Every structure is written in C-alpha cells, then in structure tokens.
Amino acid sequence: MEDQTTLEQLNNELNMVCRYLVTKGIPKKDAEDAVQEAAYKYLRFSDSIRSSRIRSWLIRVAFNCYYDQYRKNKRYIYNMEEIIFEDESADIPEKIVLEKESNDELYHLLNKLKPKHRELLLLKYVSELSYEDISKLLGIRISSIKTNLYRARKKLIKLYEEASND
C-alpha cells in the first residue's frame, strides 16, 4: 500500500517536472523523454536522494538529460509553445489563427520582462505551481515570490497596455 502511494507521488512530481520543462521552451516530446530518463535515475538512486529535494533533483536531472540529448543530436529546438488540438475539426480556422496570434503576442510581451519575472509568471500561471512549490524549487522566500510576481504582473499589464495603444 505504501509503495503505491509513493509511486503516485512520484508520478505527480514527474508530471510537474514535465510541465515545467515545457514552459522553459523544451518541446513536449523531448521533455517527456528527459523526464522518463530522470524517473529511471530516480528509481535507481532513490536511496541517496533527500526526500525534501526530490522535485529540484528531478528537474536538474531532466534538464541535464535534455542537454545531453541536444548535444548528441547537435541541434537546438527552442519552442516557446506547442499547441496541440485534440479535435481540430471542432475548431474554426479563424479561432485557431486568433488563438495563435494571441499566444504569440503574450510570449512576445513575456520576453520583454526580466528573466526572473518571466520565470515566476510561467511557474505560477502556466505550470500552476503554488507559492510553496515555487519557493522550494527556486530556493526563494515565499514573500519574495509574491512581491516579484506582483511586480511582474504589473509590468506585463503595462506592456500590454502600451502594445494595445500602438
């Protein structure tokens, strides 16, 4: 029974790591491959990993696996987004184009932010991590995260308003 709970927790952590990698610009397929390799290494070395650092360990290992694979392939794929339409026939082409343009505009505005602010916004609103999870992941106090997220939202709103006026 305890093993089942541990495996479910590991699966949840691996899903979070995969979403995080995708938000960092890694294509979904490559992120899944890296997370699978990280899971294998975790199962192999789990007795030497501190339980309080599992997610950060998994993220670091997954990033390293991705970079290793990148070096092997000698190609770099940077994709800020990967849009997957499960049922494209249900969507109207105009809606797809508008959604794509909206996402492009948002990522363009996000790229104008400081890297720290951009990362916090992606972790909070794309990966849907809690303040506590972001704090553990980045090693920053929760109050600092809240303050920086507030500043990032304000700056993003200001950039959006400026873009709308142009």
Protein backbone atom coordinates (compact mmCIF):
# COMPACT_ATOMS: atom_id res chain seq x y z
CA MET A 1 0.00 0.00 0.00
CA GLU A 2 2.81 2.41 0.90
CA ASP A 3 4.64 1.63 -2.36
CA GLN A 4 1.52 2.55 -4.34
CA THR A 5 1.28 5.92 -2.57
CA THR A 6 4.99 6.57 -3.20
CA LEU A 7 4.61 5.75 -6.89
CA GLU A 8 1.60 8.07 -7.18
CA GLN A 9 3.57 10.88 -5.53
CA LEU A 10 6.49 10.23 -7.87
CA ASN A 11 4.13 10.29 -10.85
CA ASN A 12 2.70 13.65 -9.71
CA GLU A 13 6.21 15.07 -9.30
CA LEU A 14 7.22 13.81 -12.76
CA ASN A 15 4.14 15.43 -14.32
CA MET A 16 5.04 18.74 -12.66
CA VAL A 17 8.63 18.46 -13.91
CA CYS A 18 7.42 17.75 -17.45
CA ARG A 19 5.14 20.80 -17.44
CA TYR A 20 7.98 22.91 -16.07
CA LEU A 21 10.35 21.78 -18.83
CA VAL A 22 7.74 22.59 -21.47
CA THR A 23 7.31 26.10 -20.02
CA LYS A 24 11.06 26.55 -20.31
CA GLY A 25 10.80 26.05 -24.06
CA ILE A 26 11.61 22.38 -24.37
CA PRO A 27 9.39 20.57 -26.90
CA LYS A 28 6.88 18.31 -25.19
CA LYS A 29 8.24 15.10 -26.71
CA ASP A 30 11.80 15.95 -25.63
CA ALA A 31 10.57 16.94 -22.17
CA GLU A 32 8.77 13.62 -21.80
CA ASP A 33 11.91 11.74 -22.84
CA ALA A 34 14.03 13.69 -20.36
CA VAL A 35 11.52 13.12 -17.55
CA GLN A 36 11.43 9.40 -18.32
CA GLU A 37 15.22 9.26 -18.04
CA ALA A 38 15.08 11.26 -14.79
CA ALA A 39 12.48 8.84 -13.40
CA TYR A 40 14.72 5.89 -14.23
CA LYS A 41 17.67 7.54 -12.50
CA TYR A 42 15.50 8.43 -9.50
CA LEU A 43 14.35 4.83 -9.11
CA ARG A 44 17.94 3.70 -9.42
CA PHE A 45 19.39 6.17 -6.89
CA SER A 46 16.37 6.97 -4.70
CA ASP A 47 18.04 5.81 -1.51
CA SER A 48 20.69 8.55 -1.76
CA ILE A 49 18.31 11.46 -2.51
CA ARG A 50 16.93 13.59 0.32
CA SER A 51 13.14 13.47 0.27
CA SER A 52 12.84 17.24 0.71
CA ARG A 53 14.73 17.86 -2.55
CA ILE A 54 13.06 15.38 -4.90
CA ARG A 55 11.46 17.87 -7.31
CA SER A 56 14.54 20.04 -7.66
CA TRP A 57 16.67 16.91 -8.16
CA LEU A 58 14.28 15.62 -10.83
CA ILE A 59 14.28 18.99 -12.63
CA ARG A 60 18.07 19.20 -12.64
CA VAL A 61 18.46 15.62 -13.89
CA ALA A 62 15.77 16.11 -16.55
CA PHE A 63 17.44 19.31 -17.79
CA ASN A 64 20.79 17.52 -17.93
CA CYS A 65 19.25 14.63 -19.86
CA TYR A 66 17.73 17.06 -22.34
CA TYR A 67 21.02 18.94 -22.78
CA ASP A 68 22.88 15.66 -23.28
CA GLN A 69 20.40 14.61 -25.93
CA TYR A 70 20.67 18.01 -27.57
CA ARG A 71 24.45 17.75 -27.75
CA LYS A 72 24.16 14.27 -29.23
CA ASN A 73 21.79 15.47 -31.94
CA LYS A 74 23.76 18.71 -32.50
CA ARG A 75 20.59 20.65 -32.98
CA TYR A 76 18.74 23.15 -30.85
CA ILE A 77 14.99 23.36 -30.82
CA TYR A 78 13.54 26.25 -28.89
CA ASN A 79 9.79 26.26 -28.97
CA MET A 80 8.04 28.67 -26.63
CA GLU A 81 4.80 26.88 -27.12
CA GLU A 82 3.43 23.67 -28.51
CA ILE A 83 -0.22 23.88 -29.42
CA ILE A 84 -1.96 20.57 -29.58
CA PHE A 85 -5.51 20.40 -30.77
CA GLU A 86 -7.11 17.13 -29.77
CA ASP A 87 -10.08 17.72 -32.03
CA GLU A 88 -9.10 20.17 -34.75
CA SER A 89 -12.26 19.51 -36.70
CA ALA A 90 -14.31 21.15 -33.93
CA ASP A 91 -12.31 24.40 -34.09
CA ILE A 92 -12.97 27.07 -36.63
CA PRO A 93 -9.84 28.09 -38.59
CA GLU A 94 -10.29 31.76 -37.64
CA LYS A 95 -10.40 30.81 -33.97
CA ILE A 96 -7.17 28.85 -34.32
CA VAL A 97 -5.43 31.78 -36.01
CA LEU A 98 -6.66 34.28 -33.41
CA GLU A 99 -5.58 31.99 -30.57
CA LYS A 100 -2.14 31.58 -32.14
CA GLU A 101 -1.76 35.35 -32.59
CA SER A 102 -2.86 35.95 -29.02
CA ASN A 103 -0.32 33.42 -27.71
CA ASP A 104 2.43 34.93 -29.89
CA GLU A 105 1.65 38.40 -28.55
CA LEU A 106 1.69 37.16 -24.96
CA TYR A 107 5.04 35.39 -25.39
CA HIS A 108 6.45 38.47 -27.12
CA LEU A 109 5.42 40.57 -24.12
CA LEU A 110 6.77 37.95 -21.70
CA ASN A 111 10.13 38.09 -23.46
CA LYS A 112 10.32 41.81 -22.68
CA LEU A 113 10.21 41.06 -18.95
CA LYS A 114 13.21 40.32 -16.77
CA PRO A 115 14.06 36.60 -16.90
CA LYS A 116 13.26 36.22 -13.19
CA HIS A 117 9.81 37.78 -13.62
CA ARG A 118 9.09 35.73 -16.75
CA GLU A 119 10.07 32.52 -14.98
CA LEU A 120 7.89 33.28 -11.97
CA LEU A 121 4.86 34.06 -14.16
CA LEU A 122 5.31 30.85 -16.13
CA LEU A 123 5.74 28.76 -12.99
CA LYS A 124 2.68 30.27 -11.31
CA TYR A 125 0.23 30.54 -14.19
CA VAL A 126 1.33 28.03 -16.82
CA SER A 127 2.70 25.28 -14.59
CA GLU A 128 0.13 26.16 -11.92
CA LEU A 129 2.60 25.73 -9.06
CA SER A 130 1.77 27.02 -5.60
CA TYR A 131 3.86 29.68 -3.88
CA GLU A 132 5.32 26.97 -1.65
CA ASP A 133 6.30 24.80 -4.63
CA ILE A 134 7.94 27.75 -6.40
CA SER A 135 9.75 28.63 -3.17
CA LYS A 136 11.15 25.12 -2.83
CA LEU A 137 12.04 24.93 -6.50
CA LEU A 138 13.91 28.23 -6.68
CA GLY A 139 15.11 28.45 -3.09
CA ILE A 140 13.48 31.86 -2.59
CA ARG A 141 11.31 33.01 0.33
CA ILE A 142 7.56 32.97 -0.32
CA SER A 143 7.27 36.68 0.46
CA SER A 144 9.88 37.45 -2.22
CA ILE A 145 7.99 35.31 -4.70
CA LYS A 146 4.73 37.12 -4.00
CA THR A 147 6.41 40.52 -4.30
CA ASN A 148 8.17 39.65 -7.55
CA LEU A 149 5.02 38.10 -9.01
CA TYR A 150 3.11 41.29 -8.20
CA ARG A 151 5.77 43.38 -9.93
CA ALA A 152 5.84 41.01 -12.91
CA ARG A 153 2.05 41.18 -13.33
CA LYS A 154 2.11 44.99 -13.12
CA LYS A 155 4.90 45.20 -15.70
CA LEU A 156 3.13 42.74 -18.02
CA ILE A 157 -0.10 44.74 -17.78
CA LYS A 158 1.82 47.95 -18.54
CA LEU A 159 3.48 46.33 -21.58
CA TYR A 160 0.12 45.02 -22.77
CA GLU A 161 -1.49 48.45 -22.47
CA GLU A 162 1.40 50.05 -24.36
CA ALA A 163 1.12 47.43 -27.11
CA SER A 164 -2.65 47.98 -27.32
CA ASN A 165 -2.20 51.74 -27.74
CA ASP A 166 0.21 51.28 -30.64
